[in-house]
Amino acid sequence: AASAEGYDGPPMDINTAQQMYPEAFIPLSNPKLRQNPNAIRHRICTACGQTASAQWRFWDNYLVCNKCWMRKRSARRRGLPDETVNAQIAAEAMKAAATSGSSKRSKSSKKRDEDD
């Protein structure tokens, strides 16, 4: 499968992110960083793998972007397990990465026309 420009591989999984960006996985013992996630040098969302969020929060000790935090909170309120929403977020991040290249999009729409 061709990858979108500047992207190779799935969204970063928690284990890889933890190795590359240990600061994103803060133990509760560091209250200064707990209160200010923006003080963390390498910020990466441990749910969707993006690094460009304007607002960061913690979810059960993991650094997440505000969008994923909101999704996790609403899922928890509906009684959905965290794993379910994590899987949804990861699937969407992969889908977004796959469709972000404009050349890729036109290829897939051509293919769809042929399939009909």
PDB file of N, CA and C in Angstrom:
ATOM      1  N   ALA A   1       0.846  -1.200   0.000  1.00  0.00           N
ATOM      2  CA  ALA A   1       0.000   0.000   0.000  1.00  0.00           C
ATOM      3  C   ALA A   1       0.877   1.244   0.000  1.00  0.00           C
ATOM      4  N   ALA A   2       0.552   2.165  -0.884  1.00  0.00           N
ATOM      5  CA  ALA A   2       1.318   3.415  -0.940  1.00  0.00           C
ATOM      6  C   ALA A   2       1.003   4.256   0.282  1.00  0.00           C
ATOM      7  N   SER A   3       2.016   4.923   0.810  1.00  0.00           N
ATOM      8  CA  SER A   3       1.756   5.728   2.002  1.00  0.00           C
ATOM      9  C   SER A   3       1.654   7.191   1.636  1.00  0.00           C
ATOM     10  N   ALA A   4       0.963   7.941   2.459  1.00  0.00           N
ATOM     11  CA  ALA A   4       0.812   9.373   2.221  1.00  0.00           C
ATOM     12  C   ALA A   4       2.163  10.065   2.411  1.00  0.00           C
ATOM     13  N   GLU A   5       2.310  11.228   1.831  1.00  0.00           N
ATOM     14  CA  GLU A   5       3.573  11.969   1.925  1.00  0.00           C
ATOM     15  C   GLU A   5       3.956  12.184   3.391  1.00  0.00           C
ATOM     16  N   GLY A   6       5.228  11.912   3.689  1.00  0.00           N
ATOM     17  CA  GLY A   6       5.741  12.183   5.025  1.00  0.00           C
ATOM     18  C   GLY A   6       5.224  11.233   6.078  1.00  0.00           C
ATOM     19  N   TYR A   7       4.647  10.134   5.660  1.00  0.00           N
ATOM     20  CA  TYR A   7       4.092   9.206   6.651  1.00  0.00           C
ATOM     21  C   TYR A   7       4.470   7.801   6.265  1.00  0.00           C
ATOM     22  N   ASP A   8       5.097   7.060   7.188  1.00  0.00           N
ATOM     23  CA  ASP A   8       5.321   5.649   6.899  1.00  0.00           C
ATOM     24  C   ASP A   8       5.078   4.862   8.166  1.00  0.00           C
ATOM     25  N   GLY A   9       4.009   4.105   8.157  1.00  0.00           N
ATOM     26  CA  GLY A   9       3.689   3.287   9.313  1.00  0.00           C
ATOM     27  C   GLY A   9       2.407   3.748   9.983  1.00  0.00           C
ATOM     28  N   PRO A  10       1.898   2.905  10.854  1.00  0.00           N
ATOM     29  CA  PRO A  10       0.644   3.197  11.555  1.00  0.00           C
ATOM     30  C   PRO A  10       0.847   4.275  12.612  1.00  0.00           C
ATOM     31  N   PRO A  11      -0.223   4.804  13.185  1.00  0.00           N
ATOM     32  CA  PRO A  11      -0.047   5.757  14.276  1.00  0.00           C
ATOM     33  C   PRO A  11       0.798   5.108  15.356  1.00  0.00           C
ATOM     34  N   MET A  12       1.549   5.901  16.058  1.00  0.00           N
ATOM     35  CA  MET A  12       2.461   5.347  17.050  1.00  0.00           C
ATOM     36  C   MET A  12       1.701   4.619  18.147  1.00  0.00           C
ATOM     37  N   ASP A  13       2.075   3.386  18.385  1.00  0.00           N
ATOM     38  CA  ASP A  13       1.402   2.662  19.462  1.00  0.00           C
ATOM     39  C   ASP A  13       2.019   3.081  20.790  1.00  0.00           C
ATOM     40  N   ILE A  14       1.291   2.785  21.858  1.00  0.00           N
ATOM     41  CA  ILE A  14       1.686   3.246  23.190  1.00  0.00           C
ATOM     42  C   ILE A  14       3.116   2.804  23.531  1.00  0.00           C
ATOM     43  N   ASN A  15       3.469   1.551  23.236  1.00  0.00           N
ATOM     44  CA  ASN A  15       4.787   1.052  23.633  1.00  0.00           C
ATOM     45  C   ASN A  15       5.917   1.787  22.911  1.00  0.00           C
ATOM     46  N   THR A  16       5.738   1.997  21.601  1.00  0.00           N
ATOM     47  CA  THR A  16       6.756   2.731  20.839  1.00  0.00           C
ATOM     48  C   THR A  16       6.862   4.153  21.346  1.00  0.00           C
ATOM     49  N   ALA A  17       5.703   4.785  21.552  1.00  0.00           N
ATOM     50  CA  ALA A  17       5.698   6.165  22.028  1.00  0.00           C
ATOM     51  C   ALA A  17       6.375   6.259  23.393  1.00  0.00           C
ATOM     52  N   GLN A  18       6.137   5.267  24.221  1.00  0.00           N
ATOM     53  CA  GLN A  18       6.709   5.282  25.563  1.00  0.00           C
ATOM     54  C   GLN A  18       8.231   5.211  25.496  1.00  0.00           C
ATOM     55  N   GLN A  19       8.748   4.438  24.549  1.00  0.00           N
ATOM     56  CA  GLN A  19      10.197   4.338  24.411  1.00  0.00           C
ATOM     57  C   GLN A  19      10.784   5.622  23.833  1.00  0.00           C
ATOM     58  N   MET A  20      10.093   6.194  22.841  1.00  0.00           N
ATOM     59  CA  MET A  20      10.621   7.376  22.172  1.00  0.00           C
ATOM     60  C   MET A  20      10.387   8.657  22.957  1.00  0.00           C
ATOM     61  N   TYR A  21       9.244   8.719  23.633  1.00  0.00           N
ATOM     62  CA  TYR A  21       8.872   9.944  24.343  1.00  0.00           C
ATOM     63  C   TYR A  21       8.454   9.620  25.768  1.00  0.00           C
ATOM     64  N   PRO A  22       9.407   9.206  26.604  1.00  0.00           N
ATOM     65  CA  PRO A  22       9.033   8.809  27.968  1.00  0.00           C
ATOM     66  C   PRO A  22       8.338   9.934  28.729  1.00  0.00           C
ATOM     67  N   GLU A  23       8.604  11.200  28.329  1.00  0.00           N
ATOM     68  CA  GLU A  23       8.005  12.325  29.040  1.00  0.00           C
ATOM     69  C   GLU A  23       6.481  12.328  28.906  1.00  0.00           C
ATOM     70  N   ALA A  24       5.966  11.685  27.874  1.00  0.00           N
ATOM     71  CA  ALA A  24       4.517  11.686  27.669  1.00  0.00           C
ATOM     72  C   ALA A  24       3.821  10.763  28.664  1.00  0.00           C
ATOM     73  N   PHE A  25       4.601   9.892  29.311  1.00  0.00           N
ATOM     74  CA  PHE A  25       4.035   8.909  30.218  1.00  0.00           C
ATOM     75  C   PHE A  25       4.505   9.208  31.632  1.00  0.00           C
ATOM     76  N   ILE A  26       3.967  10.275  32.169  1.00  0.00           N
ATOM     77  CA  ILE A  26       4.454  10.795  33.440  1.00  0.00           C
ATOM     78  C   ILE A  26       3.851  10.016  34.598  1.00  0.00           C
ATOM     79  N   PRO A  27       4.670   9.588  35.543  1.00  0.00           N
ATOM     80  CA  PRO A  27       4.076   9.027  36.760  1.00  0.00           C
ATOM     81  C   PRO A  27       3.465  10.154  37.589  1.00  0.00           C
ATOM     82  N   LEU A  28       2.471   9.834  38.362  1.00  0.00           N
ATOM     83  CA  LEU A  28       1.804  10.848  39.179  1.00  0.00           C
ATOM     84  C   LEU A  28       2.770  11.520  40.143  1.00  0.00           C
ATOM     85  N   SER A  29       3.945  10.935  40.341  1.00  0.00           N
ATOM     86  CA  SER A  29       4.888  11.471  41.325  1.00  0.00           C
ATOM     87  C   SER A  29       5.504  12.801  40.888  1.00  0.00           C
ATOM     88  N   ASN A  30       5.284  13.221  39.644  1.00  0.00           N
ATOM     89  CA  ASN A  30       5.837  14.510  39.228  1.00  0.00           C
ATOM     90  C   ASN A  30       4.726  15.550  39.108  1.00  0.00           C
ATOM     91  N   PRO A  31       4.363  16.179  40.239  1.00  0.00           N
ATOM     92  CA  PRO A  31       3.201  17.065  40.242  1.00  0.00           C
ATOM     93  C   PRO A  31       3.361  18.291  39.358  1.00  0.00           C
ATOM     94  N   LYS A  32       4.603  18.771  39.181  1.00  0.00           N
ATOM     95  CA  LYS A  32       4.798  19.966  38.358  1.00  0.00           C
ATOM     96  C   LYS A  32       4.370  19.701  36.913  1.00  0.00           C
ATOM     97  N   LEU A  33       4.799  18.568  36.363  1.00  0.00           N
ATOM     98  CA  LEU A  33       4.411  18.237  35.000  1.00  0.00           C
ATOM     99  C   LEU A  33       2.944  17.823  34.925  1.00  0.00           C
ATOM    100  N   ARG A  34       2.451  17.207  35.996  1.00  0.00           N
ATOM    101  CA  ARG A  34       1.040  16.814  36.016  1.00  0.00           C
ATOM    102  C   ARG A  34       0.147  18.039  35.835  1.00  0.00           C
ATOM    103  N   GLN A  35       0.549  19.162  36.461  1.00  0.00           N
ATOM    104  CA  GLN A  35      -0.278  20.363  36.382  1.00  0.00           C
ATOM    105  C   GLN A  35      -0.104  21.092  35.054  1.00  0.00           C
ATOM    106  N   ASN A  36       1.018  20.895  34.415  1.00  0.00           N
ATOM    107  CA  ASN A  36       1.270  21.599  33.163  1.00  0.00           C
ATOM    108  C   ASN A  36       1.826  20.676  32.098  1.00  0.00           C
ATOM    109  N   PRO A  37       0.955  19.950  31.406  1.00  0.00           N
ATOM    110  CA  PRO A  37       1.441  19.032  30.368  1.00  0.00           C
ATOM    111  C   PRO A  37       2.219  19.751  29.271  1.00  0.00           C
ATOM    112  N   ASN A  38       1.972  21.047  29.092  1.00  0.00           N
ATOM    113  CA  ASN A  38       2.699  21.778  28.053  1.00  0.00           C
ATOM    114  C   ASN A  38       4.174  21.938  28.372  1.00  0.00           C
ATOM    115  N   ALA A  39       4.566  21.654  29.629  1.00  0.00           N
ATOM    116  CA  ALA A  39       5.982  21.729  29.996  1.00  0.00           C
ATOM    117  C   ALA A  39       6.745  20.505  29.501  1.00  0.00           C
ATOM    118  N   ILE A  40       6.027  19.486  29.057  1.00  0.00           N
ATOM    119  CA  ILE A  40       6.682  18.282  28.551  1.00  0.00           C
ATOM    120  C   ILE A  40       7.293  18.606  27.194  1.00  0.00           C
ATOM    121  N   ARG A  41       8.568  18.252  27.034  1.00  0.00           N
ATOM    122  CA  ARG A  41       9.267  18.629  25.810  1.00  0.00           C
ATOM    123  C   ARG A  41       8.708  17.948  24.578  1.00  0.00           C
ATOM    124  N   HIS A  42       8.676  16.619  24.563  1.00  0.00           N
ATOM    125  CA  HIS A  42       8.215  15.905  23.370  1.00  0.00           C
ATOM    126  C   HIS A  42       6.784  15.474  23.596  1.00  0.00           C
ATOM    127  N   ARG A  43       5.841  16.266  23.099  1.00  0.00           N
ATOM    128  CA  ARG A  43       4.441  15.921  23.315  1.00  0.00           C
ATOM    129  C   ARG A  43       3.924  15.113  22.148  1.00  0.00           C
ATOM    130  N   ILE A  44       3.353  13.961  22.471  1.00  0.00           N
ATOM    131  CA  ILE A  44       2.723  13.125  21.452  1.00  0.00           C
ATOM    132  C   ILE A  44       1.476  12.544  22.075  1.00  0.00           C
ATOM    133  N   CYS A  45       0.390  12.546  21.325  1.00  0.00           N
ATOM    134  CA  CYS A  45      -0.850  11.998  21.871  1.00  0.00           C
ATOM    135  C   CYS A  45      -0.715  10.487  21.941  1.00  0.00           C
ATOM    136  N   THR A  46      -0.886   9.933  23.126  1.00  0.00           N
ATOM    137  CA  THR A  46      -0.720   8.495  23.292  1.00  0.00           C
ATOM    138  C   THR A  46      -1.930   7.739  22.756  1.00  0.00           C
ATOM    139  N   ALA A  47      -2.957   8.475  22.290  1.00  0.00           N
ATOM    140  CA  ALA A  47      -4.114   7.809  21.695  1.00  0.00           C
ATOM    141  C   ALA A  47      -4.030   7.834  20.172  1.00  0.00           C
ATOM    142  N   CYS A  48      -3.862   9.034  19.579  1.00  0.00           N
ATOM    143  CA  CYS A  48      -3.895   9.119  18.115  1.00  0.00           C
ATOM    144  C   CYS A  48      -2.512   9.325  17.493  1.00  0.00           C
ATOM    145  N   GLY A  49      -1.494   9.566  18.308  1.00  0.00           N
ATOM    146  CA  GLY A  49      -0.135   9.675  17.788  1.00  0.00           C
ATOM    147  C   GLY A  49       0.224  11.028  17.190  1.00  0.00           C
ATOM    148  N   GLN A  50      -0.680  12.002  17.243  1.00  0.00           N
ATOM    149  CA  GLN A  50      -0.361  13.306  16.656  1.00  0.00           C
ATOM    150  C   GLN A  50       0.458  14.147  17.635  1.00  0.00           C
ATOM    151  N   THR A  51       1.182  15.117  17.097  1.00  0.00           N
ATOM    152  CA  THR A  51       2.062  15.936  17.930  1.00  0.00           C
ATOM    153  C   THR A  51       1.714  17.420  17.854  1.00  0.00           C
ATOM    154  N   ALA A  52       0.680  17.782  17.103  1.00  0.00           N
ATOM    155  CA  ALA A  52       0.431  19.197  16.800  1.00  0.00           C
ATOM    156  C   ALA A  52      -0.715  19.823  17.581  1.00  0.00           C
ATOM    157  N   SER A  53      -1.173  19.186  18.628  1.00  0.00           N
ATOM    158  CA  SER A  53      -2.319  19.728  19.358  1.00  0.00           C
ATOM    159  C   SER A  53      -1.972  21.028  20.063  1.00  0.00           C
ATOM    160  N   ALA A  54      -2.961  21.911  20.168  1.00  0.00           N
ATOM    161  CA  ALA A  54      -2.752  23.166  20.883  1.00  0.00           C
ATOM    162  C   ALA A  54      -2.968  22.975  22.380  1.00  0.00           C
ATOM    163  N   GLN A  55      -3.718  21.954  22.742  1.00  0.00           N
ATOM    164  CA  GLN A  55      -4.012  21.737  24.157  1.00  0.00           C
ATOM    165  C   GLN A  55      -3.782  20.281  24.520  1.00  0.00           C
ATOM    166  N   TRP A  56      -3.113  20.083  25.647  1.00  0.00           N
ATOM    167  CA  TRP A  56      -2.755  18.741  26.084  1.00  0.00           C
ATOM    168  C   TRP A  56      -3.344  18.469  27.455  1.00  0.00           C
ATOM    169  N   ARG A  57      -3.692  17.191  27.710  1.00  0.00           N
ATOM    170  CA  ARG A  57      -4.229  16.798  29.007  1.00  0.00           C
ATOM    171  C   ARG A  57      -3.710  15.415  29.356  1.00  0.00           C
ATOM    172  N   PHE A  58      -3.982  15.022  30.594  1.00  0.00           N
ATOM    173  CA  PHE A  58      -3.623  13.666  30.991  1.00  0.00           C
ATOM    174  C   PHE A  58      -4.871  12.820  31.105  1.00  0.00           C
ATOM    175  N   TRP A  59      -4.754  11.594  30.659  1.00  0.00           N
ATOM    176  CA  TRP A  59      -5.832  10.631  30.805  1.00  0.00           C
ATOM    177  C   TRP A  59      -5.221   9.385  31.432  1.00  0.00           C
ATOM    178  N   ASP A  60      -5.601   9.092  32.666  1.00  0.00           N
ATOM    179  CA  ASP A  60      -5.043   7.933  33.372  1.00  0.00           C
ATOM    180  C   ASP A  60      -3.524   7.849  33.229  1.00  0.00           C
ATOM    181  N   ASN A  61      -2.842   8.967  33.499  1.00  0.00           N
ATOM    182  CA  ASN A  61      -1.373   9.010  33.438  1.00  0.00           C
ATOM    183  C   ASN A  61      -0.792   9.123  32.034  1.00  0.00           C
ATOM    184  N   TYR A  62      -1.612   9.079  30.996  1.00  0.00           N
ATOM    185  CA  TYR A  62      -1.090   9.192  29.639  1.00  0.00           C
ATOM    186  C   TYR A  62      -1.379  10.567  29.072  1.00  0.00           C
ATOM    187  N   LEU A  63      -0.414  11.117  28.367  1.00  0.00           N
ATOM    188  CA  LEU A  63      -0.603  12.408  27.722  1.00  0.00           C
ATOM    189  C   LEU A  63      -1.466  12.208  26.478  1.00  0.00           C
ATOM    190  N   VAL A  64      -2.518  12.993  26.366  1.00  0.00           N
ATOM    191  CA  VAL A  64      -3.366  12.916  25.169  1.00  0.00           C
ATOM    192  C   VAL A  64      -3.699  14.329  24.694  1.00  0.00           C
ATOM    193  N   CYS A  65      -3.996  14.445  23.400  1.00  0.00           N
ATOM    194  CA  CYS A  65      -4.451  15.734  22.891  1.00  0.00           C
ATOM    195  C   CYS A  65      -5.875  15.968  23.388  1.00  0.00           C
ATOM    196  N   ASN A  66      -6.294  17.207  23.363  1.00  0.00           N
ATOM    197  CA  ASN A  66      -7.601  17.552  23.910  1.00  0.00           C
ATOM    198  C   ASN A  66      -8.734  16.804  23.204  1.00  0.00           C
ATOM    199  N   LYS A  67      -8.607  16.633  21.882  1.00  0.00           N
ATOM    200  CA  LYS A  67      -9.663  15.953  21.118  1.00  0.00           C
ATOM    201  C   LYS A  67      -9.858  14.517  21.615  1.00  0.00           C
ATOM    202  N   CYS A  68      -8.750  13.804  21.800  1.00  0.00           N
ATOM    203  CA  CYS A  68      -8.853  12.418  22.283  1.00  0.00           C
ATOM    204  C   CYS A  68      -9.345  12.384  23.727  1.00  0.00           C
ATOM    205  N   TRP A  69      -8.930  13.371  24.508  1.00  0.00           N
ATOM    206  CA  TRP A  69      -9.384  13.431  25.903  1.00  0.00           C
ATOM    207  C   TRP A  69     -10.897  13.568  25.956  1.00  0.00           C
ATOM    208  N   MET A  70     -11.457  14.439  25.108  1.00  0.00           N
ATOM    209  CA  MET A  70     -12.909  14.636  25.066  1.00  0.00           C
ATOM    210  C   MET A  70     -13.607  13.334  24.652  1.00  0.00           C
ATOM    211  N   ARG A  71     -13.044  12.654  23.663  1.00  0.00           N
ATOM    212  CA  ARG A  71     -13.644  11.397  23.195  1.00  0.00           C
ATOM    213  C   ARG A  71     -13.612  10.334  24.278  1.00  0.00           C
ATOM    214  N   LYS A  72     -12.473  10.240  24.963  1.00  0.00           N
ATOM    215  CA  LYS A  72     -12.344   9.243  26.021  1.00  0.00           C
ATOM    216  C   LYS A  72     -13.319   9.538  27.156  1.00  0.00           C
ATOM    217  N   ARG A  73     -13.479  10.837  27.472  1.00  0.00           N
ATOM    218  CA  ARG A  73     -14.390  11.197  28.545  1.00  0.00           C
ATOM    219  C   ARG A  73     -15.830  10.849  28.177  1.00  0.00           C
ATOM    220  N   SER A  74     -16.233  11.150  26.936  1.00  0.00           N
ATOM    221  CA  SER A  74     -17.616  10.846  26.567  1.00  0.00           C
ATOM    222  C   SER A  74     -17.840   9.337  26.489  1.00  0.00           C
ATOM    223  N   ALA A  75     -16.821   8.592  26.050  1.00  0.00           N
ATOM    224  CA  ALA A  75     -16.939   7.132  26.005  1.00  0.00           C
ATOM    225  C   ALA A  75     -17.091   6.562  27.410  1.00  0.00           C
ATOM    226  N   ARG A  76     -16.302   7.101  28.333  1.00  0.00           N
ATOM    227  CA  ARG A  76     -16.365   6.606  29.706  1.00  0.00           C
ATOM    228  C   ARG A  76     -17.736   6.904  30.314  1.00  0.00           C
ATOM    229  N   ARG A  77     -18.261   8.067  29.988  1.00  0.00           N
ATOM    230  CA  ARG A  77     -19.595   8.418  30.497  1.00  0.00           C
ATOM    231  C   ARG A  77     -20.662   7.482  29.958  1.00  0.00           C
ATOM    232  N   ARG A  78     -20.454   6.993  28.722  1.00  0.00           N
ATOM    233  CA  ARG A  78     -21.409   6.045  28.148  1.00  0.00           C
ATOM    234  C   ARG A  78     -21.127   4.621  28.596  1.00  0.00           C
ATOM    235  N   GLY A  79     -20.061   4.453  29.403  1.00  0.00           N
ATOM    236  CA  GLY A  79     -19.740   3.138  29.934  1.00  0.00           C
ATOM    237  C   GLY A  79     -18.934   2.267  28.990  1.00  0.00           C
ATOM    238  N   LEU A  80     -18.362   2.855  27.950  1.00  0.00           N
ATOM    239  CA  LEU A  80     -17.530   2.076  27.023  1.00  0.00           C
ATOM    240  C   LEU A  80     -16.145   1.881  27.621  1.00  0.00           C
ATOM    241  N   PRO A  81     -15.546   0.705  27.414  1.00  0.00           N
ATOM    242  CA  PRO A  81     -14.176   0.504  27.922  1.00  0.00           C
ATOM    243  C   PRO A  81     -13.175   1.354  27.149  1.00  0.00           C
ATOM    244  N   ASP A  82     -12.106   1.742  27.813  1.00  0.00           N
ATOM    245  CA  ASP A  82     -11.061   2.558  27.200  1.00  0.00           C
ATOM    246  C   ASP A  82     -10.494   1.909  25.937  1.00  0.00           C
ATOM    247  N   GLU A  83     -10.364   0.570  25.970  1.00  0.00           N
ATOM    248  CA  GLU A  83      -9.778  -0.134  24.818  1.00  0.00           C
ATOM    249  C   GLU A  83     -10.603   0.122  23.558  1.00  0.00           C
ATOM    250  N   THR A  84     -11.920   0.181  23.715  1.00  0.00           N
ATOM    251  CA  THR A  84     -12.799   0.380  22.564  1.00  0.00           C
ATOM    252  C   THR A  84     -12.534   1.733  21.915  1.00  0.00           C
ATOM    253  N   VAL A  85     -12.509   2.774  22.725  1.00  0.00           N
ATOM    254  CA  VAL A  85     -12.300   4.109  22.158  1.00  0.00           C
ATOM    255  C   VAL A  85     -10.874   4.250  21.634  1.00  0.00           C
ATOM    256  N   ASN A  86      -9.890   3.612  22.291  1.00  0.00           N
ATOM    257  CA  ASN A  86      -8.510   3.645  21.790  1.00  0.00           C
ATOM    258  C   ASN A  86      -8.431   3.013  20.404  1.00  0.00           C
ATOM    259  N   ALA A  87      -9.116   1.894  20.223  1.00  0.00           N
ATOM    260  CA  ALA A  87      -9.103   1.210  18.936  1.00  0.00           C
ATOM    261  C   ALA A  87      -9.753   2.076  17.857  1.00  0.00           C
ATOM    262  N   GLN A  88     -10.852   2.748  18.207  1.00  0.00           N
ATOM    263  CA  GLN A  88     -11.529   3.631  17.252  1.00  0.00           C
ATOM    264  C   GLN A  88     -10.614   4.775  16.840  1.00  0.00           C
ATOM    265  N   ILE A  89      -9.946   5.381  17.828  1.00  0.00           N
ATOM    266  CA  ILE A  89      -9.053   6.503  17.555  1.00  0.00           C
ATOM    267  C   ILE A  89      -7.899   6.046  16.657  1.00  0.00           C
ATOM    268  N   ALA A  90      -7.323   4.897  16.969  1.00  0.00           N
ATOM    269  CA  ALA A  90      -6.198   4.387  16.173  1.00  0.00           C
ATOM    270  C   ALA A  90      -6.630   4.093  14.747  1.00  0.00           C
ATOM    271  N   ALA A  91      -7.819   3.494  14.590  1.00  0.00           N
ATOM    272  CA  ALA A  91      -8.319   3.175  13.250  1.00  0.00           C
ATOM    273  C   ALA A  91      -8.529   4.453  12.444  1.00  0.00           C
ATOM    274  N   GLU A  92      -9.082   5.478  13.086  1.00  0.00           N
ATOM    275  CA  GLU A  92      -9.316   6.738  12.390  1.00  0.00           C
ATOM    276  C   GLU A  92      -8.007   7.414  12.021  1.00  0.00           C
ATOM    277  N   ALA A  93      -7.024   7.336  12.916  1.00  0.00           N
ATOM    278  CA  ALA A  93      -5.731   7.959  12.636  1.00  0.00           C
ATOM    279  C   ALA A  93      -5.064   7.282  11.439  1.00  0.00           C
ATOM    280  N   MET A  94      -5.186   5.956  11.346  1.00  0.00           N
ATOM    281  CA  MET A  94      -4.617   5.230  10.207  1.00  0.00           C
ATOM    282  C   MET A  94      -5.336   5.619   8.924  1.00  0.00           C
ATOM    283  N   LYS A  95      -6.671   5.705   9.007  1.00  0.00           N
ATOM    284  CA  LYS A  95      -7.480   6.066   7.854  1.00  0.00           C
ATOM    285  C   LYS A  95      -7.122   7.476   7.388  1.00  0.00           C
ATOM    286  N   ALA A  96      -6.991   8.394   8.336  1.00  0.00           N
ATOM    287  CA  ALA A  96      -6.653   9.776   7.994  1.00  0.00           C
ATOM    288  C   ALA A  96      -5.282   9.844   7.335  1.00  0.00           C
ATOM    289  N   ALA A  97      -4.334   9.068   7.858  1.00  0.00           N
ATOM    290  CA  ALA A  97      -2.990   9.068   7.287  1.00  0.00           C
ATOM    291  C   ALA A  97      -3.015   8.512   5.869  1.00  0.00           C
ATOM    292  N   ALA A  98      -3.865   7.522   5.652  1.00  0.00           N
ATOM    293  CA  ALA A  98      -3.928   6.889   4.336  1.00  0.00           C
ATOM    294  C   ALA A  98      -4.587   7.796   3.299  1.00  0.00           C
ATOM    295  N   THR A  99      -5.475   8.677   3.733  1.00  0.00           N
ATOM    296  CA  THR A  99      -6.187   9.516   2.759  1.00  0.00           C
ATOM    297  C   THR A  99      -5.647  10.930   2.684  1.00  0.00           C
ATOM    298  N   SER A 100      -4.578  11.239   3.429  1.00  0.00           N
ATOM    299  CA  SER A 100      -4.119  12.628   3.468  1.00  0.00           C
ATOM    300  C   SER A 100      -3.366  13.034   2.199  1.00  0.00           C
ATOM    301  N   GLY A 101      -2.863  12.081   1.415  1.00  0.00           N
ATOM    302  CA  GLY A 101      -2.183  12.424   0.169  1.00  0.00           C
ATOM    303  C   GLY A 101      -3.197  12.613  -0.949  1.00  0.00           C
ATOM    304  N   SER A 102      -3.154  13.748  -1.652  1.00  0.00           N
ATOM    305  CA  SER A 102      -4.171  14.018  -2.670  1.00  0.00           C
ATOM    306  C   SER A 102      -4.043  13.040  -3.835  1.00  0.00           C
ATOM    307  N   SER A 103      -2.806  12.651  -4.200  1.00  0.00           N
ATOM    308  CA  SER A 103      -2.632  11.714  -5.310  1.00  0.00           C
ATOM    309  C   SER A 103      -3.240  10.364  -4.943  1.00  0.00           C
ATOM    310  N   LYS A 104      -3.093   9.980  -3.692  1.00  0.00           N
ATOM    311  CA  LYS A 104      -3.651   8.715  -3.227  1.00  0.00           C
ATOM    312  C   LYS A 104      -5.171   8.748  -3.340  1.00  0.00           C
ATOM    313  N   ARG A 105      -5.777   9.878  -2.975  1.00  0.00           N
ATOM    314  CA  ARG A 105      -7.227   9.984  -2.993  1.00  0.00           C
ATOM    315  C   ARG A 105      -7.761   9.804  -4.415  1.00  0.00           C
ATOM    316  N   SER A 106      -7.101  10.447  -5.392  1.00  0.00           N
ATOM    317  CA  SER A 106      -7.596  10.338  -6.755  1.00  0.00           C
ATOM    318  C   SER A 106      -7.437   8.905  -7.269  1.00  0.00           C
ATOM    319  N   LYS A 107      -6.360   8.248  -6.866  1.00  0.00           N
ATOM    320  CA  LYS A 107      -6.168   6.847  -7.261  1.00  0.00           C
ATOM    321  C   LYS A 107      -7.299   5.978  -6.732  1.00  0.00           C
ATOM    322  N   SER A 108      -7.650   6.174  -5.454  1.00  0.00           N
ATOM    323  CA  SER A 108      -8.663   5.308  -4.866  1.00  0.00           C
ATOM    324  C   SER A 108     -10.038   5.591  -5.473  1.00  0.00           C
ATOM    325  N   SER A 109     -10.317   6.853  -5.863  1.00  0.00           N
ATOM    326  CA  SER A 109     -11.613   7.130  -6.466  1.00  0.00           C
ATOM    327  C   SER A 109     -11.680   6.541  -7.878  1.00  0.00           C
ATOM    328  N   LYS A 110     -10.548   6.561  -8.604  1.00  0.00           N
ATOM    329  CA  LYS A 110     -10.501   5.909  -9.918  1.00  0.00           C
ATOM    330  C   LYS A 110     -10.771   4.415  -9.768  1.00  0.00           C
ATOM    331  N   LYS A 111     -10.110   3.815  -8.776  1.00  0.00           N
ATOM    332  CA  LYS A 111     -10.275   2.388  -8.540  1.00  0.00           C
ATOM    333  C   LYS A 111     -11.733   2.069  -8.238  1.00  0.00           C
ATOM    334  N   ARG A 112     -12.379   2.934  -7.457  1.00  0.00           N
ATOM    335  CA  ARG A 112     -13.778   2.719  -7.098  1.00  0.00           C
ATOM    336  C   ARG A 112     -14.646   2.731  -8.357  1.00  0.00           C
ATOM    337  N   ASP A 113     -14.338   3.650  -9.300  1.00  0.00           N
ATOM    338  CA  ASP A 113     -15.102   3.712 -10.549  1.00  0.00           C
ATOM    339  C   ASP A 113     -14.952   2.417 -11.336  1.00  0.00           C
ATOM    340  N   GLU A 114     -13.738   1.856 -11.337  1.00  0.00           N
ATOM    341  CA  GLU A 114     -13.505   0.608 -12.063  1.00  0.00           C
ATOM    342  C   GLU A 114     -14.262  -0.551 -11.422  1.00  0.00           C
ATOM    343  N   ASP A 115     -14.365  -0.527 -10.100  1.00  0.00           N
ATOM    344  CA  ASP A 115     -15.029  -1.618  -9.396  1.00  0.00           C
ATOM    345  C   ASP A 115     -16.516  -1.696  -9.717  1.00  0.00           C
ATOM    346  N   ASP A 116     -17.123  -0.556 -10.043  1.00  0.00           N
ATOM    347  CA  ASP A 116     -18.588  -0.529 -10.239  1.00  0.00           C
ATOM    348  C   ASP A 116     -19.084  -1.396 -11.364  1.00  0.00           C
TER     349      ASP A 116
END
